[in-house]
Amino acid sequence: MGRAAAAAVERAHRDHWARLLALLTGQFRSLELAEESLAEAYASALATWAERGVPDLPAAWLLTAARNRATDVLRREAVLARKLPLLVVPDAGGEPPTDIPDERLRLLFTCCHPALAVESRVALTLRCVAGLTTPEVARAFLVSEPTMAARITRAKKKIAQAGIPYRVPTAAELPTRLAGVLTVLYLVFTEGYAATAGEVPIRHDLAAEAIRLARVLVALLPGEPEPAALLALMLLQHSRRDARLDAGGRLVLLPDQDRERWYAGEIAEGAALVRRAAGLRGGAPPGPYLLQAAIAGEHAVAARAADTDWAAIARLYAELDAVTGSPVVRLNRAVAVAEHAGPAAGLDLLAGLDAALPRYHLLPAVRADLLRQLGRVAEAAADYRRALDLAGTDAERAFLTARLAELPPPEPGDQRRVVPGERGVDRR
């Protein structure tokens, strides 16, 4: 029975944590109290279900236990009378609401409030909305569990002390608040799509959580184009996940991937979302996520690497560069331009990026690839070594080591042209 209870608790955590926490936070108006009460309910369930059996409605049991615990806390603090109108405790046998999107959206916007630092927003979203445990969030950030626990606690206290409202922003607030939520979701996805450090270069769990949360946001804000565009971007990129590593865990670049292993259903859904987002803009210029999704769509529709429309991708990156001014976008644009107009044109776009991206290993890696194509072998080797020093994952270091080893010895003048390569940020 103990194993069955443990499995049931684990399943209930995965299936119900986020929505129960959202409901409790909305009812008690305290994220900290809601989370502590729900965590104790899960701990109690482990012992109680092992002894008495798993209830027919686990979510209802957990919700009632958490509400009872929160009520006890408020009573001990002698504020029950003031809070009583908020405490509507259902019958323990009743199923909690199965559809509480408004509560979940409120919690997402609360976790992503602009008063919080970006790292705190991402951590709170993973912990409270995605339902990851504190140790899991700590591993995502590559910090110790006590460090992450303290960070999350500080963020929750700031929410309480600053009186950050637990609500969906007004129409006037939505543009700035929505942008923050989208940024956090894409940061979560990006860390899953291309981990910044560690032994595993791809974290499918984080990417999947970001996609799930984006689906919630799209369902709750169906008239907003950028959430749909962000979901499209995530689906189109994530559709390649099974082809991005070989059997030995080594990175496989886009031109070398087995496109039969891409998920056609996700590509089709992503393409439909691109069209939907474009339609919602009503003729207005595309936003940054729509442009990125359009770029990902160009890769997805190419049956072979040779069929990729690099001219179209370069044009889209030029638009995105103008919209964002991002140095990372400029780096990706350089890759696309190099594919379309040659390595020298791509290299020109990298000028001045070192100051903006001093610790980003992909900048020297891309420059090394372009220098290699131009036959400037000694310069390419120096940039490969610089990229190796900055790379954070074992897979990236192995990839760069192999590229460095493939370089031919430089000839006098270092001007011999080598076979063009196919490397770049946009080709992973």
Protein backbone atom coordinates (compact mmCIF):
# COMPACT_ATOMS: atom_id res chain seq x y z
CA MET A 1 0.00 0.00 0.00
CA GLY A 2 2.89 2.35 0.74
CA ARG A 3 4.18 2.16 -2.81
CA ALA A 4 0.71 2.67 -4.23
CA ALA A 5 0.20 5.70 -1.99
CA ALA A 6 3.56 7.17 -2.97
CA ALA A 7 2.76 6.68 -6.66
CA ALA A 8 -0.66 8.29 -6.19
CA VAL A 9 0.83 11.29 -4.39
CA GLU A 10 3.44 11.71 -7.12
CA ARG A 11 0.75 11.51 -9.80
CA ALA A 12 -1.44 13.98 -7.90
CA HIS A 13 1.47 16.39 -7.61
CA ARG A 14 2.10 16.22 -11.34
CA ASP A 15 -1.56 16.50 -12.31
CA HIS A 16 -3.03 18.86 -9.71
CA TRP A 17 -0.35 20.93 -7.95
CA ALA A 18 -0.50 24.00 -10.19
CA ARG A 19 -4.28 24.33 -10.31
CA LEU A 20 -4.76 23.64 -6.60
CA LEU A 21 -2.09 26.19 -5.71
CA ALA A 22 -3.73 28.72 -8.00
CA LEU A 23 -7.12 28.13 -6.38
CA LEU A 24 -5.74 28.37 -2.84
CA THR A 25 -3.75 31.51 -3.64
CA GLY A 26 -6.83 33.13 -5.08
CA GLN A 27 -8.87 32.25 -2.02
CA PHE A 28 -6.38 33.18 0.70
CA ARG A 29 -4.59 35.97 -1.21
CA SER A 30 -1.26 34.69 0.09
CA LEU A 31 1.07 32.70 -2.11
CA GLU A 32 3.26 31.72 0.82
CA LEU A 33 0.36 30.44 2.96
CA ALA A 34 -1.16 28.62 -0.02
CA GLU A 35 2.06 26.86 -0.91
CA GLU A 36 2.90 25.87 2.67
CA SER A 37 -0.59 24.53 3.24
CA LEU A 38 -0.64 22.56 0.01
CA ALA A 39 2.82 21.11 0.64
CA GLU A 40 1.66 19.90 4.06
CA ALA A 41 -1.44 18.41 2.48
CA TYR A 42 0.70 16.37 0.11
CA ALA A 43 2.95 15.27 2.98
CA SER A 44 -0.10 14.24 4.98
CA ALA A 45 -1.51 12.38 2.00
CA LEU A 46 1.57 10.19 1.80
CA ALA A 47 0.96 8.81 5.31
CA THR A 48 -2.84 8.87 5.31
CA TRP A 49 -3.31 7.23 1.92
CA ALA A 50 -0.82 4.50 2.82
CA GLU A 51 -2.91 3.69 5.89
CA ARG A 52 -6.47 4.21 4.62
CA GLY A 53 -6.12 3.85 0.88
CA VAL A 54 -6.10 6.37 -1.95
CA PRO A 55 -9.37 8.39 -2.03
CA ASP A 56 -11.62 8.32 -5.06
CA LEU A 57 -11.05 12.04 -5.58
CA PRO A 58 -7.40 12.78 -4.66
CA ALA A 59 -7.55 16.42 -5.75
CA ALA A 60 -10.62 17.09 -3.57
CA TRP A 61 -8.92 15.45 -0.59
CA LEU A 62 -5.79 17.55 -1.07
CA LEU A 63 -7.73 20.78 -1.52
CA THR A 64 -9.75 20.22 1.64
CA ALA A 65 -6.67 19.25 3.67
CA ALA A 66 -4.79 22.34 2.47
CA ARG A 67 -7.72 24.63 3.22
CA ASN A 68 -8.11 23.16 6.69
CA ARG A 69 -4.42 23.69 7.37
CA ALA A 70 -4.57 27.29 6.15
CA THR A 71 -7.61 27.90 8.35
CA ASP A 72 -5.70 26.59 11.36
CA VAL A 73 -2.81 28.92 10.61
CA LEU A 74 -5.09 31.92 10.38
CA ARG A 75 -6.83 30.92 13.60
CA ARG A 76 -3.52 30.71 15.40
CA GLU A 77 -2.68 34.15 14.13
CA ALA A 78 -5.97 35.42 15.55
CA VAL A 79 -7.15 36.81 12.22
CA LEU A 80 -9.72 34.19 11.37
CA ALA A 81 -12.63 36.54 11.88
CA ARG A 82 -11.25 38.99 9.34
CA LYS A 83 -10.47 36.27 6.82
CA LEU A 84 -13.61 34.22 7.36
CA PRO A 85 -15.52 35.61 4.35
CA LEU A 86 -12.78 34.25 2.11
CA LEU A 87 -12.88 30.73 3.52
CA VAL A 88 -15.54 28.69 1.80
CA VAL A 89 -14.55 25.11 2.53
CA PRO A 90 -16.34 22.53 0.39
CA ASP A 91 -17.49 19.10 1.41
CA ALA A 92 -14.48 16.79 1.57
CA GLY A 93 -16.17 14.47 -0.88
CA GLY A 94 -16.69 17.10 -3.57
CA GLU A 95 -14.49 17.43 -6.61
CA PRO A 96 -12.75 20.82 -6.89
CA PRO A 97 -13.36 22.80 -10.06
CA THR A 98 -11.77 21.05 -13.01
CA ASP A 99 -11.46 24.24 -15.03
CA ILE A 100 -9.90 27.15 -13.15
CA PRO A 101 -7.97 28.96 -15.90
CA ASP A 102 -8.56 32.42 -14.45
CA GLU A 103 -6.90 31.45 -11.16
CA ARG A 104 -3.96 29.91 -12.95
CA LEU A 105 -3.55 32.96 -15.13
CA ARG A 106 -3.64 35.24 -12.09
CA LEU A 107 -0.93 33.18 -10.46
CA LEU A 108 1.18 33.29 -13.62
CA PHE A 109 0.92 37.07 -13.82
CA THR A 110 1.65 37.40 -10.10
CA CYS A 111 4.83 35.31 -10.42
CA CYS A 112 5.91 37.39 -13.42
CA HIS A 113 5.26 40.82 -11.92
CA PRO A 114 7.80 43.41 -13.16
CA ALA A 115 8.67 44.34 -9.57
CA LEU A 116 10.49 41.00 -9.31
CA ALA A 117 13.89 40.28 -10.80
CA VAL A 118 13.79 38.15 -13.96
CA GLU A 119 15.50 35.21 -12.23
CA SER A 120 12.92 35.34 -9.45
CA ARG A 121 10.09 35.41 -11.99
CA VAL A 122 11.41 32.32 -13.74
CA ALA A 123 12.02 30.49 -10.46
CA LEU A 124 8.55 31.31 -9.10
CA THR A 125 6.90 30.29 -12.36
CA LEU A 126 8.68 26.94 -12.34
CA ARG A 127 7.90 26.34 -8.67
CA CYS A 128 4.35 27.62 -8.37
CA VAL A 129 2.81 27.40 -11.82
CA ALA A 130 4.77 24.57 -13.45
CA GLY A 131 4.80 22.60 -10.21
CA LEU A 132 8.51 21.74 -10.19
CA THR A 133 10.02 21.03 -6.80
CA THR A 134 12.57 23.40 -5.29
CA PRO A 135 15.42 20.91 -5.94
CA GLU A 136 14.34 20.68 -9.59
CA VAL A 137 14.26 24.46 -9.92
CA ALA A 138 17.69 24.64 -8.25
CA ARG A 139 19.09 22.20 -10.82
CA ALA A 140 17.61 24.26 -13.64
CA PHE A 141 19.47 27.32 -12.32
CA LEU A 142 22.59 25.32 -11.39
CA VAL A 143 22.53 26.52 -7.79
CA SER A 144 22.22 24.71 -4.48
CA GLU A 145 18.81 23.84 -3.09
CA PRO A 146 19.19 26.18 -0.05
CA THR A 147 20.16 29.03 -2.37
CA MET A 148 17.12 28.48 -4.56
CA ALA A 149 14.82 28.05 -1.55
CA ALA A 150 16.02 31.38 -0.17
CA ARG A 151 15.54 33.06 -3.56
CA ILE A 152 11.98 31.79 -3.89
CA THR A 153 11.19 32.76 -0.31
CA ARG A 154 12.47 36.30 -0.87
CA ALA A 155 10.38 36.63 -4.01
CA LYS A 156 7.23 35.49 -2.22
CA LYS A 157 7.89 37.87 0.64
CA LYS A 158 8.34 40.72 -1.81
CA ILE A 159 4.98 39.88 -3.34
CA ALA A 160 3.41 40.05 0.12
CA GLN A 161 5.26 43.14 1.35
CA ALA A 162 4.81 45.11 -1.85
CA GLY A 163 1.15 44.24 -2.05
CA ILE A 164 1.50 42.87 -5.56
CA PRO A 165 -2.08 42.19 -6.64
CA TYR A 166 -3.24 38.69 -7.42
CA ARG A 167 -5.16 39.44 -10.60
CA VAL A 168 -5.04 39.62 -14.35
CA PRO A 169 -3.79 43.07 -15.39
CA THR A 170 -6.23 45.63 -16.66
CA ALA A 171 -6.40 46.35 -20.39
CA ALA A 172 -4.10 49.33 -19.90
CA GLU A 173 -1.53 47.25 -17.98
CA LEU A 174 -1.69 44.17 -20.15
CA PRO A 175 0.85 45.09 -22.86
CA THR A 176 3.75 45.57 -20.44
CA ARG A 177 2.72 42.76 -18.10
CA LEU A 178 2.07 40.30 -20.91
CA ALA A 179 5.49 40.99 -22.38
CA GLY A 180 7.07 40.00 -19.07
CA VAL A 181 5.11 36.75 -18.91
CA LEU A 182 6.08 35.87 -22.47
CA THR A 183 9.72 36.64 -21.73
CA VAL A 184 9.71 34.33 -18.70
CA LEU A 185 8.03 31.51 -20.60
CA TYR A 186 10.55 31.78 -23.43
CA LEU A 187 13.46 31.84 -20.97
CA VAL A 188 12.13 28.64 -19.42
CA PHE A 189 11.77 27.06 -22.84
CA THR A 190 15.21 28.20 -23.97
CA GLU A 191 16.87 26.66 -20.93
CA GLY A 192 15.15 23.41 -21.84
CA TYR A 193 15.90 23.66 -25.56
CA ALA A 194 19.60 24.46 -25.06
CA ALA A 195 20.79 24.08 -21.47
CA THR A 196 23.40 26.62 -20.45
CA ALA A 197 25.47 24.18 -18.40
CA GLY A 198 25.71 20.61 -17.20
CA GLU A 199 26.01 17.17 -18.73
CA VAL A 200 22.65 17.24 -20.55
CA PRO A 201 22.41 19.70 -23.48
CA ILE A 202 18.61 19.44 -23.81
CA ARG A 203 16.08 19.42 -20.94
CA HIS A 204 12.88 18.13 -22.45
CA ASP A 205 10.99 18.54 -19.15
CA LEU A 206 11.56 22.31 -19.02
CA ALA A 207 10.70 22.77 -22.69
CA ALA A 208 7.50 20.76 -22.25
CA GLU A 209 6.50 22.77 -19.16
CA ALA A 210 6.99 26.04 -21.03
CA ILE A 211 4.84 24.76 -23.89
CA ARG A 212 2.13 23.66 -21.47
CA LEU A 213 2.05 27.06 -19.79
CA ALA A 214 1.99 28.81 -23.18
CA ARG A 215 -1.04 26.71 -24.11
CA VAL A 216 -2.80 27.93 -20.95
CA LEU A 217 -1.98 31.53 -21.84
CA VAL A 218 -3.19 31.17 -25.43
CA ALA A 219 -6.46 29.61 -24.26
CA LEU A 220 -7.02 32.42 -21.77
CA LEU A 221 -6.04 35.27 -24.10
CA PRO A 222 -7.26 34.04 -27.48
CA GLY A 223 -7.31 37.51 -29.01
CA GLU A 224 -3.63 38.28 -28.33
CA PRO A 225 -1.27 37.48 -31.23
CA GLU A 226 2.08 37.18 -29.41
CA PRO A 227 1.09 34.31 -27.05
CA ALA A 228 -0.03 32.34 -30.10
CA ALA A 229 3.19 33.25 -31.87
CA LEU A 230 5.30 32.19 -28.90
CA LEU A 231 3.52 28.84 -28.69
CA ALA A 232 4.09 28.39 -32.43
CA LEU A 233 7.80 29.15 -32.00
CA MET A 234 8.16 26.67 -29.16
CA LEU A 235 6.32 23.90 -31.01
CA LEU A 236 8.30 24.38 -34.21
CA GLN A 237 11.63 24.32 -32.37
CA HIS A 238 10.69 21.49 -30.01
CA SER A 239 9.47 19.37 -32.92
CA ARG A 240 13.13 18.64 -33.74
CA ARG A 241 14.03 17.37 -30.27
CA ASP A 242 14.57 13.68 -31.12
CA ALA A 243 16.89 14.50 -34.00
CA ARG A 244 19.14 17.01 -32.25
CA LEU A 245 21.37 14.45 -30.52
CA ASP A 246 22.86 11.24 -31.87
CA ALA A 247 22.90 7.92 -30.06
CA GLY A 248 26.04 8.98 -28.21
CA GLY A 249 24.53 12.24 -26.96
CA ARG A 250 26.48 14.39 -29.42
CA LEU A 251 24.93 17.47 -31.01
CA VAL A 252 23.57 17.04 -34.52
CA LEU A 253 23.28 20.28 -36.47
CA LEU A 254 20.16 21.08 -38.44
CA PRO A 255 21.50 20.19 -41.91
CA ASP A 256 22.53 16.75 -40.65
CA GLN A 257 19.34 15.90 -38.75
CA ASP A 258 17.06 13.07 -39.81
CA ARG A 259 13.94 15.03 -40.70
CA GLU A 260 11.83 11.89 -40.53
CA ARG A 261 12.30 12.12 -36.76
CA TRP A 262 10.75 15.57 -36.56
CA TYR A 263 7.21 15.69 -35.17
CA ALA A 264 4.98 16.51 -38.13
CA GLY A 265 1.92 17.11 -35.96
CA GLU A 266 3.69 19.77 -33.91
CA ILE A 267 5.01 21.40 -37.08
CA ALA A 268 1.49 21.55 -38.52
CA GLU A 269 0.11 23.00 -35.28
CA GLY A 270 2.91 25.56 -35.15
CA ALA A 271 2.30 26.62 -38.74
CA ALA A 272 -1.42 27.05 -38.02
CA LEU A 273 -0.60 29.20 -34.99
CA VAL A 274 1.69 31.37 -37.11
CA ARG A 275 -1.19 32.02 -39.48
CA ARG A 276 -3.53 32.68 -36.56
CA ALA A 277 -1.12 35.15 -34.93
CA ALA A 278 -0.59 36.95 -38.21
CA GLY A 279 -4.35 37.25 -38.66
CA LEU A 280 -4.82 38.63 -35.15
CA ARG A 281 -2.42 41.46 -35.92
CA GLY A 282 -4.86 42.76 -38.51
CA GLY A 283 -2.24 44.06 -40.88
CA ALA A 284 -0.03 45.57 -38.16
CA PRO A 285 3.71 44.80 -38.32
CA PRO A 286 4.64 41.42 -36.82
CA GLY A 287 5.94 41.24 -33.26
CA PRO A 288 9.21 39.57 -32.25
CA TYR A 289 7.74 36.15 -31.45
CA LEU A 290 5.82 36.03 -34.70
CA LEU A 291 8.98 36.83 -36.64
CA GLN A 292 10.91 34.12 -34.81
CA ALA A 293 8.10 31.64 -35.39
CA ALA A 294 8.11 32.49 -39.08
CA ILE A 295 11.85 31.80 -39.17
CA ALA A 296 11.37 28.45 -37.43
CA GLY A 297 8.59 27.69 -39.89
CA GLU A 298 10.92 28.22 -42.85
CA HIS A 299 13.25 25.58 -41.43
CA ALA A 300 10.37 23.22 -40.70
CA VAL A 301 8.89 23.22 -44.21
CA ALA A 302 12.20 22.46 -45.94
CA ALA A 303 12.13 18.78 -46.90
CA ARG A 304 15.93 18.80 -47.16
CA ALA A 305 18.60 21.13 -45.83
CA ALA A 306 19.34 22.18 -49.40
CA ASP A 307 15.73 23.34 -49.79
CA THR A 308 15.99 25.92 -46.98
CA ASP A 309 15.02 29.40 -48.15
CA TRP A 310 17.92 31.29 -46.61
CA ALA A 311 17.01 34.48 -48.47
CA ALA A 312 13.62 34.54 -46.73
CA ILE A 313 15.21 33.72 -43.36
CA ALA A 314 17.77 36.51 -43.78
CA ARG A 315 14.96 38.98 -44.56
CA LEU A 316 13.01 37.89 -41.48
CA TYR A 317 16.10 38.24 -39.30
CA ALA A 318 16.67 41.74 -40.66
CA GLU A 319 13.13 42.64 -39.54
CA LEU A 320 13.67 41.02 -36.16
CA ASP A 321 16.98 42.83 -35.72
CA ALA A 322 15.25 46.14 -36.42
CA VAL A 323 12.47 45.36 -33.92
CA THR A 324 14.60 44.06 -31.04
CA GLY A 325 18.14 45.42 -31.46
CA SER A 326 19.23 42.21 -29.72
CA PRO A 327 22.87 41.15 -30.13
CA VAL A 328 21.78 37.49 -30.12
CA VAL A 329 19.39 38.23 -32.97
CA ARG A 330 22.24 39.92 -34.84
CA LEU A 331 24.35 36.80 -34.32
CA ASN A 332 21.62 34.58 -35.76
CA ARG A 333 21.12 37.03 -38.59
CA ALA A 334 24.81 36.75 -39.43
CA VAL A 335 24.43 32.97 -39.79
CA ALA A 336 21.48 33.36 -42.16
CA VAL A 337 23.21 36.07 -44.20
CA ALA A 338 26.32 33.91 -44.47
CA GLU A 339 24.22 31.07 -45.86
CA HIS A 340 22.55 33.39 -48.36
CA ALA A 341 25.29 35.84 -49.33
CA GLY A 342 28.51 34.14 -48.23
CA PRO A 343 30.69 33.99 -45.10
CA ALA A 344 32.27 37.41 -45.59
CA ALA A 345 28.85 39.11 -45.45
CA GLY A 346 28.00 37.18 -42.30
CA LEU A 347 31.32 38.05 -40.70
CA ASP A 348 30.69 41.75 -41.27
CA LEU A 349 27.52 41.53 -39.14
CA LEU A 350 29.50 40.18 -36.17
CA ALA A 351 31.51 43.39 -35.83
CA GLY A 352 31.03 44.98 -32.42
CA LEU A 353 29.20 42.05 -30.80
CA ASP A 354 32.02 41.04 -28.46
CA ALA A 355 31.26 43.91 -26.08
CA ALA A 356 27.57 42.95 -25.96
CA LEU A 357 28.15 39.17 -25.67
CA PRO A 358 31.43 38.79 -23.79
CA ARG A 359 30.59 35.40 -22.24
CA TYR A 360 28.42 33.88 -24.99
CA HIS A 361 30.28 30.93 -26.45
CA LEU A 362 28.26 30.86 -29.66
CA LEU A 363 29.70 34.19 -30.82
CA PRO A 364 33.30 32.95 -31.17
CA ALA A 365 31.96 29.59 -32.39
CA VAL A 366 30.04 31.21 -35.25
CA ARG A 367 32.94 33.51 -36.07
CA ALA A 368 35.27 30.50 -36.15
CA ASP A 369 32.98 28.73 -38.61
CA LEU A 370 32.88 31.74 -40.91
CA LEU A 371 36.64 32.25 -40.69
CA ARG A 372 37.10 28.59 -41.48
CA GLN A 373 34.99 28.96 -44.61
CA LEU A 374 37.13 31.93 -45.66
CA GLY A 375 40.31 29.88 -45.24
CA ARG A 376 41.57 31.94 -42.27
CA VAL A 377 42.50 28.82 -40.33
CA ALA A 378 44.69 30.31 -37.60
CA GLU A 379 42.02 32.88 -36.68
CA ALA A 380 39.37 30.18 -36.75
CA ALA A 381 41.39 28.00 -34.36
CA ALA A 382 41.78 30.88 -31.92
CA ASP A 383 38.02 31.48 -31.90
CA TYR A 384 37.23 27.79 -31.47
CA ARG A 385 39.50 27.77 -28.42
CA ARG A 386 37.79 30.89 -27.08
CA ALA A 387 34.39 29.23 -27.56
CA LEU A 388 35.65 26.11 -25.77
CA ASP A 389 36.62 28.18 -22.75
CA LEU A 390 33.10 29.62 -22.56
CA ALA A 391 30.97 26.56 -23.41
CA GLY A 392 28.87 25.33 -20.51
CA THR A 393 27.78 21.81 -21.50
CA ASP A 394 29.75 18.67 -22.18
CA ALA A 395 28.03 18.26 -25.54
CA GLU A 396 29.00 21.76 -26.67
CA ARG A 397 32.60 21.25 -25.59
CA ALA A 398 32.77 17.91 -27.42
CA PHE A 399 31.34 19.51 -30.55
CA LEU A 400 33.80 22.41 -30.51
CA THR A 401 36.74 20.12 -29.78
CA ALA A 402 35.86 18.07 -32.85
CA ARG A 403 35.56 21.19 -35.00
CA LEU A 404 38.95 22.42 -33.83
CA ALA A 405 40.51 19.04 -34.58
CA GLU A 406 39.06 19.09 -38.11
CA LEU A 407 40.86 22.31 -39.03
CA PRO A 408 43.70 21.81 -41.52
CA PRO A 409 47.09 23.27 -40.64
CA PRO A 410 47.31 26.91 -41.74
CA GLU A 411 49.34 27.61 -44.86
CA PRO A 412 51.60 30.64 -45.24
CA GLY A 413 49.44 33.73 -45.30
CA ASP A 414 46.53 31.69 -43.95
CA GLN A 415 44.49 32.44 -47.08
CA ARG A 416 43.78 28.93 -48.42
CA ARG A 417 40.05 28.45 -48.80
CA VAL A 418 38.61 25.40 -47.04
CA VAL A 419 35.38 23.55 -47.73
CA PRO A 420 32.47 25.69 -46.50
CA GLY A 421 30.95 24.52 -43.26
CA GLU A 422 27.36 24.62 -42.11
CA ARG A 423 27.62 25.81 -38.53
CA GLY A 424 25.71 28.46 -36.70
CA VAL A 425 23.31 29.37 -33.96
CA ASP A 426 20.29 29.11 -36.25
CA ARG A 427 21.14 25.59 -37.38
CA ARG A 428 20.65 23.54 -34.21
